[in-house]
Amino acid sequence: MNRTLHHTLFAYSLASVLVFPPLVVAHDDSESRHEEHEYLDTEHRAGHDQLEAQHDAAHQFPMTKGEHKELHRQLKKEHKETHRDLRDQQENFHDESD
């Protein structure tokens, strides 16, 4: 497999983990909000762990300086998208509960 394609697949695999909306079941609004924040915090940590694992795995393969730069560009982009998705989920939850 082409190394750049291989690195791209690593970078984009995280997106599939974060597209599902949170499942929050609560008895009252404050408990629901607390559970939502816990869920988002867990997803945030999991996203960082996955990006780091992808980074470490990609470094097991030889790559040119350009491929290395591209890998980090893609991981940085995925990191920003993950934060944006989590922020959007939080804003949507707060909009729905108001």
Protein backbone atom coordinates (compact mmCIF):
# COMPACT_ATOMS: atom_id res chain seq x y z
CA MET A 1 0.00 0.00 0.00
CA ASN A 2 1.24 3.47 -0.81
CA ARG A 3 2.69 4.99 2.37
CA THR A 4 0.89 8.29 1.93
CA LEU A 5 -2.41 6.48 1.44
CA HIS A 6 -1.66 4.35 4.49
CA HIS A 7 -1.05 7.49 6.57
CA THR A 8 -4.22 9.06 5.21
CA LEU A 9 -6.26 6.05 6.27
CA PHE A 10 -4.82 6.33 9.77
CA ALA A 11 -5.76 10.00 9.95
CA TYR A 12 -9.32 9.55 8.71
CA SER A 13 -10.20 6.51 10.80
CA LEU A 14 -10.87 8.72 13.82
CA ALA A 15 -13.71 10.50 12.04
CA SER A 16 -15.83 7.35 12.01
CA VAL A 17 -15.53 7.08 15.79
CA LEU A 18 -16.85 10.57 16.44
CA VAL A 19 -19.79 10.84 14.06
CA PHE A 20 -22.31 9.13 16.31
CA PRO A 21 -24.30 11.43 18.60
CA PRO A 22 -24.13 10.88 22.34
CA LEU A 23 -26.70 8.70 24.04
CA VAL A 24 -27.72 10.56 27.16
CA VAL A 25 -30.51 9.36 29.42
CA ALA A 26 -31.15 11.40 32.53
CA HIS A 27 -33.81 12.00 35.12
CA ASP A 28 -33.48 15.75 35.23
CA ASP A 29 -31.89 18.59 33.30
CA SER A 30 -28.86 19.08 35.56
CA GLU A 31 -28.09 15.36 35.54
CA SER A 32 -28.51 15.30 31.77
CA ARG A 33 -26.11 18.22 31.36
CA HIS A 34 -23.58 16.58 33.67
CA GLU A 35 -23.77 13.30 31.75
CA GLU A 36 -23.39 15.16 28.45
CA HIS A 37 -20.22 16.88 29.68
CA GLU A 38 -18.83 13.57 30.95
CA TYR A 39 -19.57 11.98 27.57
CA LEU A 40 -17.87 14.82 25.69
CA ASP A 41 -14.84 14.68 28.00
CA THR A 42 -14.55 10.94 27.43
CA GLU A 43 -14.84 11.40 23.68
CA HIS A 44 -12.24 14.18 23.78
CA ARG A 45 -9.74 11.98 25.63
CA ALA A 46 -10.47 9.03 23.34
CA GLY A 47 -9.93 11.21 20.27
CA HIS A 48 -6.55 12.35 21.53
CA ASP A 49 -5.56 8.78 22.40
CA GLN A 50 -6.52 7.59 18.92
CA LEU A 51 -4.64 10.38 17.19
CA GLU A 52 -1.55 9.60 19.25
CA ALA A 53 -1.89 5.89 18.44
CA GLN A 54 -2.24 6.71 14.73
CA HIS A 55 0.84 8.91 14.95
CA ASP A 56 2.87 6.21 16.69
CA ALA A 57 1.72 3.53 14.25
CA ALA A 58 2.53 5.66 11.23
CA HIS A 59 6.05 6.21 12.53
CA GLN A 60 6.63 2.45 12.34
CA PHE A 61 6.92 2.87 8.57
CA PRO A 62 9.76 4.61 6.79
CA MET A 63 8.68 7.89 5.22
CA THR A 64 10.18 10.82 3.42
CA LYS A 65 10.32 14.27 4.97
CA GLY A 66 7.38 15.29 2.76
CA GLU A 67 5.31 12.25 3.79
CA HIS A 68 6.08 12.98 7.45
CA LYS A 69 4.97 16.59 7.02
CA GLU A 70 1.76 15.42 5.29
CA LEU A 71 1.04 12.93 8.08
CA HIS A 72 1.30 15.68 10.69
CA ARG A 73 -0.81 18.04 8.57
CA GLN A 74 -3.56 15.41 8.34
CA LEU A 75 -3.41 14.57 12.04
CA LYS A 76 -3.58 18.29 12.93
CA LYS A 77 -6.58 18.71 10.62
CA GLU A 78 -8.30 15.69 12.20
CA HIS A 79 -7.55 17.09 15.66
CA LYS A 80 -9.22 20.41 14.78
CA GLU A 81 -12.22 18.60 13.27
CA THR A 82 -12.58 16.47 16.39
CA HIS A 83 -12.65 19.56 18.61
CA ARG A 84 -15.13 21.26 16.29
CA ASP A 85 -17.41 18.20 16.30
CA LEU A 86 -17.33 17.94 20.08
CA ARG A 87 -18.00 21.69 20.45
CA ASP A 88 -20.93 21.43 18.03
CA GLN A 89 -22.36 18.47 19.95
CA GLN A 90 -22.14 20.44 23.19
CA GLU A 91 -23.75 23.54 21.66
CA ASN A 92 -26.56 21.45 20.14
CA PHE A 93 -27.23 19.78 23.46
CA HIS A 94 -27.40 23.09 25.30
CA ASP A 95 -29.65 24.57 22.59
CA GLU A 96 -32.04 21.60 22.88
CA SER A 97 -32.19 21.71 26.66
CA ASP A 98 -32.86 25.44 26.93
